[in-house]
């Protein structure tokens, strides 16, 4: 099941709904999935390093199907001068994943225009295990026959993402735990969306003067003694 960014944020981060987010030593203010947050670290990490960590985070380097976004993510990942050594494994894997997605998207666009499955296979060969390459090429050729079906191309992208190797996201969170760096975020707007305010009850209407309550029946002979 694929969770939405808001749900992931709610599950993974610490809510500070009752506390104002005021910048302090060892912390920088950032935006994470549209939520105001602080990225906080121990005294050994300065603001420049914290900002650099956030700039190359998975949220800031999405591996989307847009070439422009992928190239932007790769540029961010190459800016690692201030990034701590503990993040190196993540940046290496994330960079490789971004390069693979770029090569894939370029190959997909070119091969779709030429309708050439062999050209597609050659372009993605460095990123796909030989045992999987034939299956990927077969899926590409089937998608061509299906026409411009968005679902067919999306399935190919999903298959490639699955077999191209790790995207580094787990390495990022592991490195943050090692560095004792945490995101602390406000969920006020998130909670408001999940729990809309209850409507005030409608005022009770005054009794209709034109209607009279029936008089009590005092003549019931079956009333119990």
N, C-alpha and C. Protein backbone atom coordinates (compact mmCIF):
# COMPACT_ATOMS: atom_id res chain seq x y z
N UNK A 1 0.84 -1.18 0.00
CA UNK A 1 0.00 0.00 0.00
C UNK A 1 0.88 1.24 0.00
N UNK A 2 0.64 2.16 -0.89
CA UNK A 2 1.44 3.37 -0.99
C UNK A 2 0.80 4.45 -0.13
N UNK A 3 1.58 4.96 0.83
CA UNK A 3 1.06 5.97 1.73
C UNK A 3 1.31 7.36 1.16
N UNK A 4 0.40 8.27 1.44
CA UNK A 4 0.55 9.64 0.99
C UNK A 4 1.64 10.33 1.80
N UNK A 5 2.26 11.41 1.24
CA UNK A 5 3.28 12.13 2.00
C UNK A 5 2.79 12.60 3.35
N UNK A 6 1.54 13.06 3.44
CA UNK A 6 1.01 13.53 4.72
C UNK A 6 0.94 12.40 5.73
N UNK A 7 0.53 11.22 5.27
CA UNK A 7 0.44 10.08 6.18
C UNK A 7 1.82 9.66 6.65
N UNK A 8 2.79 9.64 5.72
CA UNK A 8 4.17 9.30 6.11
C UNK A 8 4.69 10.29 7.13
N UNK A 9 4.39 11.57 6.93
CA UNK A 9 4.85 12.59 7.86
C UNK A 9 4.23 12.36 9.23
N UNK A 10 2.95 12.02 9.26
CA UNK A 10 2.27 11.81 10.53
C UNK A 10 2.81 10.59 11.27
N UNK A 11 3.22 9.56 10.53
CA UNK A 11 3.72 8.34 11.14
C UNK A 11 5.16 8.45 11.60
N UNK A 12 5.98 9.21 10.86
CA UNK A 12 7.42 9.17 11.08
C UNK A 12 7.97 10.30 11.94
N UNK A 13 7.29 11.43 12.00
CA UNK A 13 7.88 12.59 12.64
C UNK A 13 7.19 12.93 13.95
N UNK A 14 7.79 13.83 14.72
CA UNK A 14 7.28 14.18 16.04
C UNK A 14 6.40 15.40 15.94
N UNK A 15 5.20 15.33 16.46
CA UNK A 15 4.26 16.44 16.41
C UNK A 15 4.56 17.45 17.50
N UNK A 16 4.61 18.72 17.08
CA UNK A 16 4.78 19.80 18.05
C UNK A 16 3.61 20.76 17.96
N UNK A 17 2.41 20.23 17.82
CA UNK A 17 1.24 21.07 17.62
C UNK A 17 1.05 22.06 18.75
N UNK A 18 1.48 21.71 19.95
CA UNK A 18 1.27 22.59 21.10
C UNK A 18 2.44 23.52 21.35
N UNK A 19 3.51 23.45 20.52
CA UNK A 19 4.69 24.27 20.75
C UNK A 19 5.00 25.11 19.52
N UNK A 20 5.30 26.41 19.70
CA UNK A 20 5.68 27.23 18.55
C UNK A 20 7.04 26.81 18.03
N UNK A 21 7.22 26.91 16.70
CA UNK A 21 8.50 26.53 16.11
C UNK A 21 9.41 27.74 16.06
N UNK A 22 10.19 27.94 17.10
CA UNK A 22 11.11 29.07 17.18
C UNK A 22 12.52 28.55 16.97
N UNK A 23 13.23 29.16 16.01
CA UNK A 23 14.57 28.69 15.69
C UNK A 23 15.47 28.81 16.92
N UNK A 24 16.29 27.81 17.15
CA UNK A 24 17.20 27.80 18.29
C UNK A 24 18.55 27.29 17.83
N UNK A 25 19.53 27.26 18.74
CA UNK A 25 20.86 26.78 18.40
C UNK A 25 20.78 25.32 17.98
N UNK A 26 21.49 24.98 16.90
CA UNK A 26 21.47 23.61 16.42
C UNK A 26 20.20 23.24 15.70
N UNK A 27 19.47 24.23 15.17
CA UNK A 27 18.22 23.94 14.47
C UNK A 27 18.03 24.93 13.32
N UNK A 28 17.42 24.45 12.25
CA UNK A 28 17.06 25.32 11.12
C UNK A 28 15.61 25.05 10.76
N UNK A 29 14.92 26.08 10.33
CA UNK A 29 13.54 25.94 9.92
C UNK A 29 13.49 25.50 8.45
N UNK A 30 12.64 24.50 8.17
CA UNK A 30 12.51 23.97 6.82
C UNK A 30 11.04 23.68 6.56
N UNK A 31 10.72 23.37 5.32
CA UNK A 31 9.40 22.90 4.96
C UNK A 31 9.51 21.45 4.53
N UNK A 32 8.64 20.60 5.07
CA UNK A 32 8.66 19.18 4.75
C UNK A 32 7.24 18.75 4.40
N UNK A 33 7.03 18.36 3.13
CA UNK A 33 5.70 18.00 2.63
C UNK A 33 4.69 19.10 2.94
N UNK A 34 5.13 20.35 2.79
CA UNK A 34 4.22 21.47 3.00
C UNK A 34 4.00 21.84 4.45
N UNK A 35 4.68 21.18 5.38
CA UNK A 35 4.51 21.45 6.80
C UNK A 35 5.73 22.21 7.34
N UNK A 36 5.53 23.22 8.19
CA UNK A 36 6.66 23.92 8.80
C UNK A 36 7.34 23.02 9.83
N UNK A 37 8.65 22.90 9.72
CA UNK A 37 9.39 21.99 10.61
C UNK A 37 10.70 22.63 11.04
N UNK A 38 11.29 22.05 12.06
CA UNK A 38 12.67 22.33 12.43
C UNK A 38 13.47 21.07 12.22
N UNK A 39 14.66 21.23 11.66
CA UNK A 39 15.62 20.14 11.61
C UNK A 39 16.65 20.42 12.69
N UNK A 40 16.69 19.53 13.68
CA UNK A 40 17.52 19.76 14.85
C UNK A 40 18.60 18.70 14.95
N UNK A 41 19.77 19.15 15.42
CA UNK A 41 20.89 18.24 15.58
C UNK A 41 21.71 18.57 16.81
N UNK A 42 22.68 17.73 17.13
CA UNK A 42 23.53 17.98 18.31
C UNK A 42 24.44 19.18 18.08
N UNK A 43 25.13 19.57 19.14
CA UNK A 43 25.95 20.78 19.08
C UNK A 43 27.05 20.69 18.03
N UNK A 44 27.47 19.49 17.67
CA UNK A 44 28.55 19.35 16.70
C UNK A 44 28.17 19.69 15.27
N UNK A 45 26.87 19.80 15.00
CA UNK A 45 26.42 20.11 13.65
C UNK A 45 25.94 21.56 13.59
N UNK A 46 26.50 22.31 12.65
CA UNK A 46 26.10 23.70 12.49
C UNK A 46 24.91 23.84 11.56
N UNK A 47 24.43 25.08 11.43
CA UNK A 47 23.27 25.34 10.58
C UNK A 47 23.55 24.99 9.12
N UNK A 48 24.77 25.27 8.66
CA UNK A 48 25.10 24.98 7.26
C UNK A 48 24.99 23.49 6.97
N UNK A 49 25.43 22.67 7.90
CA UNK A 49 25.34 21.22 7.71
C UNK A 49 23.90 20.73 7.76
N UNK A 50 23.11 21.28 8.67
CA UNK A 50 21.71 20.89 8.76
C UNK A 50 20.95 21.27 7.49
N UNK A 51 21.22 22.45 6.97
CA UNK A 51 20.58 22.87 5.72
C UNK A 51 21.00 21.96 4.57
N UNK A 52 22.27 21.58 4.55
CA UNK A 52 22.76 20.70 3.48
C UNK A 52 22.10 19.33 3.57
N UNK A 53 21.90 18.83 4.78
CA UNK A 53 21.22 17.54 4.96
C UNK A 53 19.81 17.61 4.40
N UNK A 54 19.09 18.68 4.73
CA UNK A 54 17.71 18.81 4.24
C UNK A 54 17.66 18.94 2.72
N UNK A 55 18.60 19.67 2.16
CA UNK A 55 18.59 19.91 0.71
C UNK A 55 18.75 18.63 -0.10
N UNK A 56 19.39 17.62 0.48
CA UNK A 56 19.56 16.37 -0.28
C UNK A 56 18.66 15.25 0.25
N UNK A 57 17.73 15.61 1.12
CA UNK A 57 16.81 14.61 1.68
C UNK A 57 15.94 14.01 0.58
N UNK A 58 15.35 12.83 0.82
CA UNK A 58 14.47 12.22 -0.19
C UNK A 58 13.33 13.13 -0.62
N UNK A 59 12.79 13.90 0.33
CA UNK A 59 11.68 14.79 -0.01
C UNK A 59 12.12 15.91 -0.95
N UNK A 60 13.38 16.33 -0.83
CA UNK A 60 13.90 17.40 -1.68
C UNK A 60 14.54 16.88 -2.97
N UNK A 61 14.71 15.57 -3.07
CA UNK A 61 15.30 14.98 -4.28
C UNK A 61 14.39 13.86 -4.81
N UNK A 62 13.17 14.20 -5.21
CA UNK A 62 12.22 13.17 -5.65
C UNK A 62 12.69 12.47 -6.91
N UNK A 63 12.39 11.18 -6.99
CA UNK A 63 12.74 10.38 -8.17
C UNK A 63 11.48 10.23 -9.03
N UNK A 64 11.00 11.35 -9.54
CA UNK A 64 9.76 11.35 -10.30
C UNK A 64 10.02 10.97 -11.75
N UNK A 65 8.94 10.94 -12.56
CA UNK A 65 9.08 10.58 -13.97
C UNK A 65 9.29 11.80 -14.86
N UNK A 66 9.57 12.94 -14.26
CA UNK A 66 9.85 14.16 -15.02
C UNK A 66 11.37 14.33 -15.15
N UNK A 67 11.85 14.42 -16.36
CA UNK A 67 13.29 14.59 -16.56
C UNK A 67 13.80 15.85 -15.89
N UNK A 68 13.02 16.91 -15.96
CA UNK A 68 13.44 18.17 -15.35
C UNK A 68 13.58 18.02 -13.84
N UNK A 69 12.62 17.37 -13.21
CA UNK A 69 12.69 17.16 -11.76
C UNK A 69 13.84 16.23 -11.38
N UNK A 70 14.05 15.20 -12.19
CA UNK A 70 15.14 14.27 -11.91
C UNK A 70 16.50 14.96 -12.01
N UNK A 71 16.67 15.80 -13.01
CA UNK A 71 17.93 16.52 -13.17
C UNK A 71 18.14 17.51 -12.03
N UNK A 72 17.05 18.13 -11.58
CA UNK A 72 17.14 19.04 -10.44
C UNK A 72 17.55 18.27 -9.18
N UNK A 73 16.99 17.06 -8.99
CA UNK A 73 17.36 16.23 -7.85
C UNK A 73 18.84 15.86 -7.90
N UNK A 74 19.32 15.53 -9.10
CA UNK A 74 20.72 15.15 -9.24
C UNK A 74 21.64 16.33 -8.92
N UNK A 75 21.26 17.53 -9.32
CA UNK A 75 22.05 18.71 -9.02
C UNK A 75 22.15 18.93 -7.51
N UNK A 76 21.04 18.75 -6.82
CA UNK A 76 21.05 18.90 -5.36
C UNK A 76 21.98 17.87 -4.71
N UNK A 77 21.90 16.64 -5.20
CA UNK A 77 22.71 15.56 -4.63
C UNK A 77 24.20 15.76 -4.85
N UNK A 78 24.55 16.52 -5.87
CA UNK A 78 25.96 16.79 -6.14
C UNK A 78 26.53 17.90 -5.25
N UNK A 79 25.64 18.59 -4.52
CA UNK A 79 26.08 19.68 -3.65
C UNK A 79 26.24 19.13 -2.23
N UNK A 80 27.35 18.47 -1.99
CA UNK A 80 27.53 17.75 -0.73
C UNK A 80 28.71 18.27 0.09
N UNK A 81 29.16 19.49 -0.19
CA UNK A 81 30.34 20.01 0.50
C UNK A 81 30.14 20.08 2.02
N UNK A 82 28.92 20.43 2.46
CA UNK A 82 28.66 20.60 3.89
C UNK A 82 28.02 19.37 4.53
N UNK A 83 27.80 18.32 3.74
CA UNK A 83 27.10 17.15 4.25
C UNK A 83 28.04 16.29 5.08
N UNK A 84 27.61 15.85 6.28
CA UNK A 84 28.46 14.99 7.12
C UNK A 84 28.80 13.67 6.43
N UNK A 85 29.91 13.08 6.85
CA UNK A 85 30.39 11.84 6.25
C UNK A 85 29.37 10.70 6.42
N UNK A 86 28.59 10.74 7.50
CA UNK A 86 27.62 9.67 7.76
C UNK A 86 26.53 9.60 6.70
N UNK A 87 26.36 10.68 5.92
CA UNK A 87 25.31 10.72 4.89
C UNK A 87 25.84 10.18 3.55
N UNK A 88 27.15 9.88 3.48
CA UNK A 88 27.78 9.54 2.20
C UNK A 88 27.15 8.34 1.52
N UNK A 89 26.85 7.31 2.28
CA UNK A 89 26.25 6.11 1.68
C UNK A 89 24.89 6.45 1.03
N UNK A 90 24.14 7.29 1.72
CA UNK A 90 22.85 7.71 1.16
C UNK A 90 23.03 8.49 -0.14
N UNK A 91 23.94 9.48 -0.12
CA UNK A 91 24.11 10.30 -1.31
C UNK A 91 24.59 9.47 -2.50
N UNK A 92 25.44 8.48 -2.24
CA UNK A 92 25.92 7.62 -3.34
C UNK A 92 24.76 6.82 -3.95
N UNK A 93 23.94 6.24 -3.09
CA UNK A 93 22.82 5.44 -3.60
C UNK A 93 21.75 6.31 -4.26
N UNK A 94 21.48 7.45 -3.64
CA UNK A 94 20.45 8.33 -4.21
C UNK A 94 20.92 8.90 -5.55
N UNK A 95 22.18 9.24 -5.65
CA UNK A 95 22.74 9.75 -6.91
C UNK A 95 22.64 8.69 -7.99
N UNK A 96 23.02 7.47 -7.66
CA UNK A 96 22.94 6.37 -8.64
C UNK A 96 21.49 6.14 -9.07
N UNK A 97 20.56 6.22 -8.11
CA UNK A 97 19.14 6.03 -8.44
C UNK A 97 18.64 7.14 -9.36
N UNK A 98 19.05 8.38 -9.10
CA UNK A 98 18.63 9.49 -9.95
C UNK A 98 19.21 9.34 -11.36
N UNK A 99 20.47 8.95 -11.46
CA UNK A 99 21.10 8.73 -12.77
C UNK A 99 20.38 7.62 -13.54
N UNK A 100 20.00 6.56 -12.83
CA UNK A 100 19.29 5.45 -13.48
C UNK A 100 17.94 5.91 -14.01
N UNK A 101 17.20 6.70 -13.20
CA UNK A 101 15.88 7.18 -13.65
C UNK A 101 16.01 8.11 -14.85
N UNK A 102 17.06 8.94 -14.85
CA UNK A 102 17.27 9.85 -15.99
C UNK A 102 17.55 9.05 -17.25
N UNK A 103 18.44 8.07 -17.14
CA UNK A 103 18.77 7.23 -18.30
C UNK A 103 17.52 6.49 -18.79
N UNK A 104 16.72 6.02 -17.86
CA UNK A 104 15.51 5.29 -18.22
C UNK A 104 14.52 6.20 -18.95
N UNK A 105 14.28 7.39 -18.41
CA UNK A 105 13.32 8.30 -19.04
C UNK A 105 13.79 8.74 -20.43
N UNK A 106 15.08 9.00 -20.57
CA UNK A 106 15.61 9.37 -21.88
C UNK A 106 15.46 8.21 -22.86
N UNK A 107 15.76 6.99 -22.40
CA UNK A 107 15.62 5.82 -23.26
C UNK A 107 14.16 5.59 -23.64
N UNK A 108 13.29 5.79 -22.69
CA UNK A 108 11.87 5.57 -22.94
C UNK A 108 11.34 6.55 -23.97
N UNK A 109 11.70 7.81 -23.83
CA UNK A 109 11.23 8.82 -24.79
C UNK A 109 11.76 8.54 -26.19
N UNK A 110 13.06 8.24 -26.28
CA UNK A 110 13.67 7.99 -27.58
C UNK A 110 13.10 6.74 -28.25
N UNK A 111 12.97 5.66 -27.49
CA UNK A 111 12.51 4.40 -28.05
C UNK A 111 11.03 4.46 -28.43
N UNK A 112 10.26 5.24 -27.69
CA UNK A 112 8.84 5.38 -28.06
C UNK A 112 8.69 6.10 -29.40
N UNK A 113 9.55 7.07 -29.64
CA UNK A 113 9.49 7.78 -30.91
C UNK A 113 9.92 6.88 -32.07
N UNK A 114 10.98 6.11 -31.85
CA UNK A 114 11.49 5.23 -32.91
C UNK A 114 10.78 3.88 -32.95
N UNK A 115 10.02 3.59 -31.89
CA UNK A 115 9.33 2.30 -31.76
C UNK A 115 10.31 1.15 -31.90
N UNK A 116 11.42 1.30 -31.18
CA UNK A 116 12.52 0.35 -31.28
C UNK A 116 12.82 -0.25 -29.92
N UNK A 117 12.42 -1.50 -29.70
CA UNK A 117 12.65 -2.16 -28.43
C UNK A 117 14.11 -2.44 -28.17
N UNK A 118 14.89 -2.72 -29.21
CA UNK A 118 16.32 -3.02 -29.03
C UNK A 118 17.07 -1.78 -28.53
N UNK A 119 16.70 -0.63 -29.05
CA UNK A 119 17.34 0.61 -28.61
C UNK A 119 17.03 0.86 -27.13
N UNK A 120 15.81 0.57 -26.74
CA UNK A 120 15.41 0.73 -25.35
C UNK A 120 16.23 -0.20 -24.45
N UNK A 121 16.38 -1.45 -24.87
CA UNK A 121 17.13 -2.44 -24.09
C UNK A 121 18.59 -2.02 -23.92
N UNK A 122 19.20 -1.52 -24.98
CA UNK A 122 20.61 -1.12 -24.91
C UNK A 122 20.81 0.05 -23.95
N UNK A 123 19.84 0.96 -23.95
CA UNK A 123 19.97 2.16 -23.11
C UNK A 123 19.84 1.85 -21.63
N UNK A 124 19.01 0.87 -21.27
CA UNK A 124 18.82 0.57 -19.84
C UNK A 124 19.67 -0.60 -19.36
N UNK A 125 20.45 -1.20 -20.27
CA UNK A 125 21.26 -2.37 -19.91
C UNK A 125 22.17 -2.13 -18.70
N UNK A 126 22.84 -0.96 -18.59
CA UNK A 126 23.73 -0.77 -17.42
C UNK A 126 23.01 -0.79 -16.08
N UNK A 127 21.70 -0.60 -16.10
CA UNK A 127 20.96 -0.45 -14.85
C UNK A 127 20.10 -1.67 -14.51
N UNK A 128 20.03 -2.63 -15.42
CA UNK A 128 19.13 -3.77 -15.22
C UNK A 128 19.92 -5.07 -15.32
N UNK A 129 19.65 -5.98 -14.41
CA UNK A 129 20.30 -7.29 -14.45
C UNK A 129 19.92 -8.01 -15.75
N UNK A 130 20.87 -8.70 -16.39
CA UNK A 130 20.58 -9.37 -17.67
C UNK A 130 19.35 -10.28 -17.62
N UNK A 131 19.10 -10.92 -16.49
CA UNK A 131 17.95 -11.81 -16.40
C UNK A 131 16.63 -11.04 -16.44
N UNK A 132 16.67 -9.75 -16.08
CA UNK A 132 15.46 -8.93 -16.08
C UNK A 132 15.31 -8.12 -17.36
N UNK A 133 16.40 -7.98 -18.11
CA UNK A 133 16.38 -7.11 -19.27
C UNK A 133 15.39 -7.59 -20.33
N UNK A 134 15.36 -8.88 -20.57
CA UNK A 134 14.45 -9.42 -21.58
C UNK A 134 13.00 -9.15 -21.22
N UNK A 135 12.66 -9.33 -19.94
CA UNK A 135 11.29 -9.08 -19.50
C UNK A 135 10.93 -7.61 -19.65
N UNK A 136 11.85 -6.70 -19.32
CA UNK A 136 11.58 -5.27 -19.47
C UNK A 136 11.36 -4.90 -20.92
N UNK A 137 12.18 -5.47 -21.81
CA UNK A 137 12.03 -5.20 -23.24
C UNK A 137 10.70 -5.71 -23.76
N UNK A 138 10.30 -6.87 -23.27
CA UNK A 138 9.01 -7.43 -23.68
C UNK A 138 7.86 -6.54 -23.23
N UNK A 139 7.94 -6.01 -22.02
CA UNK A 139 6.89 -5.12 -21.53
C UNK A 139 6.83 -3.84 -22.37
N UNK A 140 8.01 -3.34 -22.76
CA UNK A 140 8.07 -2.15 -23.59
C UNK A 140 7.37 -2.39 -24.92
N UNK A 141 7.64 -3.51 -25.55
CA UNK A 141 7.04 -3.82 -26.85
C UNK A 141 5.53 -4.00 -26.72
N UNK A 142 5.07 -4.59 -25.63
CA UNK A 142 3.64 -4.74 -25.41
C UNK A 142 2.98 -3.38 -25.22
N UNK A 143 3.68 -2.48 -24.51
CA UNK A 143 3.14 -1.14 -24.30
C UNK A 143 3.02 -0.38 -25.62
N UNK A 144 3.98 -0.59 -26.52
CA UNK A 144 3.90 0.04 -27.83
C UNK A 144 2.65 -0.42 -28.58
N UNK A 145 2.39 -1.71 -28.52
CA UNK A 145 1.23 -2.26 -29.20
C UNK A 145 -0.08 -1.76 -28.59
N UNK A 146 -0.03 -1.47 -27.30
CA UNK A 146 -1.24 -1.00 -26.62
C UNK A 146 -1.54 0.46 -26.91
N UNK A 147 -0.65 1.13 -27.64
CA UNK A 147 -0.86 2.54 -27.95
C UNK A 147 -0.40 3.43 -26.82
N UNK A 148 -0.99 4.61 -26.72
CA UNK A 148 -0.59 5.57 -25.70
C UNK A 148 -1.38 5.36 -24.41
N UNK A 149 -1.28 4.17 -23.87
CA UNK A 149 -1.97 3.87 -22.62
C UNK A 149 -1.12 4.34 -21.44
N UNK A 150 -1.55 5.35 -20.70
CA UNK A 150 -0.76 5.84 -19.56
C UNK A 150 -0.45 4.74 -18.55
N UNK A 151 -1.41 3.85 -18.33
CA UNK A 151 -1.20 2.80 -17.33
C UNK A 151 -0.08 1.84 -17.75
N UNK A 152 0.04 1.59 -19.06
CA UNK A 152 1.09 0.68 -19.54
C UNK A 152 2.48 1.28 -19.30
N UNK A 153 2.65 2.56 -19.59
CA UNK A 153 3.95 3.20 -19.39
C UNK A 153 4.25 3.37 -17.91
N UNK A 154 3.21 3.63 -17.12
CA UNK A 154 3.42 3.76 -15.68
C UNK A 154 3.85 2.43 -15.08
N UNK A 155 3.34 1.33 -15.60
CA UNK A 155 3.72 0.02 -15.11
C UNK A 155 5.19 -0.27 -15.42
N UNK A 156 5.64 0.15 -16.60
CA UNK A 156 7.04 -0.03 -16.96
C UNK A 156 7.94 0.77 -16.01
N UNK A 157 7.53 2.00 -15.71
CA UNK A 157 8.31 2.82 -14.77
C UNK A 157 8.37 2.15 -13.39
N UNK A 158 7.25 1.63 -12.96
CA UNK A 158 7.20 0.96 -11.66
C UNK A 158 8.10 -0.27 -11.63
N UNK A 159 8.06 -1.04 -12.72
CA UNK A 159 8.90 -2.24 -12.82
C UNK A 159 10.38 -1.87 -12.78
N UNK A 160 10.74 -0.82 -13.50
CA UNK A 160 12.14 -0.40 -13.54
C UNK A 160 12.59 0.07 -12.16
N UNK A 161 11.76 0.85 -11.47
CA UNK A 161 12.12 1.34 -10.13
C UNK A 161 12.35 0.18 -9.17
N UNK A 162 11.60 -0.89 -9.37
CA UNK A 162 11.71 -2.04 -8.47
C UNK A 162 12.99 -2.83 -8.68
N UNK A 163 13.46 -2.91 -9.92
CA UNK A 163 14.61 -3.77 -10.20
C UNK A 163 15.92 -2.99 -10.37
N UNK A 164 15.85 -1.65 -10.39
CA UNK A 164 17.06 -0.86 -10.64
C UNK A 164 17.93 -0.70 -9.40
N UNK A 165 17.47 -1.16 -8.26
CA UNK A 165 18.29 -1.07 -7.06
C UNK A 165 17.71 -0.12 -6.03
N UNK A 166 18.29 -0.07 -4.83
CA UNK A 166 17.76 0.78 -3.74
C UNK A 166 17.84 2.26 -4.08
N UNK A 167 16.87 3.01 -3.56
CA UNK A 167 16.85 4.45 -3.83
C UNK A 167 17.50 5.26 -2.70
N UNK A 168 18.02 4.59 -1.68
CA UNK A 168 18.77 5.26 -0.62
C UNK A 168 17.94 5.82 0.52
N UNK A 169 16.62 5.76 0.43
CA UNK A 169 15.80 6.41 1.45
C UNK A 169 16.04 5.82 2.84
N UNK A 170 16.14 4.51 2.93
CA UNK A 170 16.40 3.88 4.23
C UNK A 170 17.76 4.31 4.78
N UNK A 171 18.75 4.47 3.89
CA UNK A 171 20.08 4.91 4.32
C UNK A 171 20.02 6.32 4.91
N UNK A 172 19.14 7.16 4.34
CA UNK A 172 19.01 8.54 4.85
C UNK A 172 18.51 8.53 6.29
N UNK A 173 17.44 7.79 6.55
CA UNK A 173 16.88 7.76 7.90
C UNK A 173 17.83 7.09 8.88
N UNK A 174 18.56 6.09 8.41
CA UNK A 174 19.54 5.43 9.27
C UNK A 174 20.67 6.41 9.65
N UNK A 175 21.09 7.21 8.69
CA UNK A 175 22.15 8.19 8.94
C UNK A 175 21.68 9.26 9.92
N UNK A 176 20.42 9.69 9.79
CA UNK A 176 19.90 10.71 10.71
C UNK A 176 19.85 10.18 12.14
N UNK A 177 19.48 8.91 12.29
CA UNK A 177 19.48 8.33 13.64
C UNK A 177 20.90 8.28 14.21
N UNK A 178 21.86 7.94 13.37
CA UNK A 178 23.25 7.87 13.81
C UNK A 178 23.76 9.25 14.22
N UNK A 179 23.37 10.27 13.46
CA UNK A 179 23.80 11.63 13.74
C UNK A 179 22.99 12.30 14.84
N UNK A 180 21.88 11.66 15.25
CA UNK A 180 20.96 12.22 16.23
C UNK A 180 20.34 13.52 15.72
N UNK A 181 19.96 13.47 14.44
CA UNK A 181 19.28 14.59 13.79
C UNK A 181 17.83 14.21 13.60
N UNK A 182 16.92 15.13 13.95
CA UNK A 182 15.50 14.83 13.86
C UNK A 182 14.74 15.99 13.23
N UNK A 183 13.66 15.66 12.54
CA UNK A 183 12.68 16.64 12.09
C UNK A 183 11.61 16.75 13.17
N UNK A 184 11.28 17.97 13.54
CA UNK A 184 10.16 18.21 14.44
C UNK A 184 9.20 19.14 13.74
N UNK A 185 7.96 18.70 13.62
CA UNK A 185 7.01 19.40 12.76
C UNK A 185 5.70 19.70 13.47
N UNK A 186 5.02 20.72 12.98
CA UNK A 186 3.70 21.07 13.49
C UNK A 186 2.65 20.40 12.64
N UNK A 187 1.68 19.78 13.29
CA UNK A 187 0.62 19.08 12.57
C UNK A 187 -0.72 19.78 12.73
N UNK A 188 -0.72 21.04 13.09
CA UNK A 188 -1.99 21.72 13.33
C UNK A 188 -2.88 21.68 12.11
N UNK A 189 -2.33 22.03 10.94
CA UNK A 189 -3.14 22.05 9.73
C UNK A 189 -3.55 20.65 9.33
N UNK A 190 -2.63 19.68 9.57
CA UNK A 190 -2.95 18.28 9.24
C UNK A 190 -4.11 17.79 10.09
N UNK A 191 -4.07 18.11 11.40
CA UNK A 191 -5.13 17.66 12.28
C UNK A 191 -6.44 18.34 11.95
N UNK A 192 -6.38 19.62 11.56
CA UNK A 192 -7.60 20.32 11.19
C UNK A 192 -8.27 19.67 10.01
N UNK A 193 -7.46 19.19 9.04
CA UNK A 193 -8.03 18.55 7.87
C UNK A 193 -8.65 17.21 8.21
N UNK A 194 -8.00 16.49 9.16
CA UNK A 194 -8.51 15.18 9.51
C UNK A 194 -9.74 15.25 10.42
N UNK A 195 -9.82 16.32 11.23
CA UNK A 195 -10.92 16.44 12.17
C UNK A 195 -11.58 17.81 12.00
N UNK A 196 -12.43 17.97 11.01
CA UNK A 196 -13.08 19.27 10.82
C UNK A 196 -13.94 19.62 12.02
N UNK A 197 -14.06 20.92 12.32
CA UNK A 197 -14.84 21.32 13.49
C UNK A 197 -16.28 20.90 13.36
N UNK A 198 -16.85 20.48 14.51
CA UNK A 198 -18.24 20.07 14.49
C UNK A 198 -19.14 21.28 14.32
N UNK A 199 -20.22 21.06 13.64
CA UNK A 199 -21.18 22.14 13.47
C UNK A 199 -21.93 22.38 14.79
N UNK A 200 -22.23 23.66 15.05
CA UNK A 200 -23.01 23.97 16.24
C UNK A 200 -24.42 23.43 16.06
N UNK A 201 -25.01 22.87 17.12
CA UNK A 201 -26.36 22.35 16.98
C UNK A 201 -27.34 23.45 16.64
N UNK A 202 -28.31 23.14 15.81
CA UNK A 202 -29.33 24.11 15.41
C UNK A 202 -30.18 24.46 16.62
N UNK A 203 -30.54 25.75 16.78
CA UNK A 203 -31.37 26.15 17.92
C UNK A 203 -32.72 25.46 17.88
N UNK A 204 -33.18 25.10 19.09
CA UNK A 204 -34.48 24.44 19.15
C UNK A 204 -35.57 25.41 18.73
N UNK A 205 -36.46 24.92 17.91
CA UNK A 205 -37.54 25.77 17.45
C UNK A 205 -38.59 25.91 18.54
N UNK A 206 -39.18 27.08 18.63
CA UNK A 206 -40.22 27.32 19.63
C UNK A 206 -41.45 26.51 19.29
N UNK A 207 -42.18 26.02 20.28
CA UNK A 207 -43.39 25.23 19.99
C UNK A 207 -44.41 26.03 19.21
N UNK A 208 -45.08 25.38 18.33
CA UNK A 208 -46.08 26.03 17.49
C UNK A 208 -47.32 26.32 18.33
N UNK A 209 -47.62 27.61 18.41
CA UNK A 209 -48.76 27.99 19.23
C UNK A 209 -50.08 27.49 18.66
N UNK A 210 -50.08 27.16 17.39
CA UNK A 210 -51.32 26.69 16.78
C UNK A 210 -51.65 25.26 17.12
N UNK A 211 -50.67 24.53 17.73
CA UNK A 211 -50.89 23.15 18.10
C UNK A 211 -50.94 23.05 19.61
N UNK A 212 -51.94 22.36 20.13
CA UNK A 212 -52.08 22.20 21.57
C UNK A 212 -51.77 20.77 21.94
N UNK A 213 -51.09 20.59 23.07
CA UNK A 213 -50.82 19.25 23.55
C UNK A 213 -52.14 18.59 23.94
N UNK A 214 -52.30 17.31 23.64
CA UNK A 214 -53.54 16.64 24.04
C UNK A 214 -53.62 16.55 25.55
N UNK A 215 -54.84 16.74 26.07
CA UNK A 215 -55.03 16.68 27.52
C UNK A 215 -54.80 15.27 28.00
N UNK A 216 -54.20 15.10 29.18
CA UNK A 216 -53.96 13.75 29.68
C UNK A 216 -55.26 12.99 29.86
N UNK A 217 -55.23 11.70 29.59
CA UNK A 217 -56.42 10.86 29.68
C UNK A 217 -56.56 10.34 31.10
N UNK A 218 -57.51 10.91 31.80
CA UNK A 218 -57.73 10.50 33.19
C UNK A 218 -58.84 9.48 33.31
N UNK A 219 -59.39 9.07 32.19
CA UNK A 219 -60.51 8.17 32.28
C UNK A 219 -60.19 6.76 31.89
N UNK A 220 -58.92 6.41 31.96
CA UNK A 220 -58.51 5.05 31.57
C UNK A 220 -58.88 4.08 32.67
N UNK A 221 -59.92 3.27 32.38
CA UNK A 221 -60.40 2.32 33.39
C UNK A 221 -59.47 1.17 33.62
N UNK A 222 -58.48 0.96 32.68
CA UNK A 222 -57.55 -0.16 32.83
C UNK A 222 -56.28 0.21 33.52
N UNK A 223 -56.25 1.43 34.09
CA UNK A 223 -55.02 1.85 34.75
C UNK A 223 -54.77 0.96 35.95
N UNK A 224 -53.54 0.53 36.11
CA UNK A 224 -53.21 -0.38 37.21
C UNK A 224 -53.30 0.35 38.53
N UNK A 225 -53.71 -0.36 39.53
CA UNK A 225 -53.86 0.23 40.85
C UNK A 225 -52.52 0.33 41.54
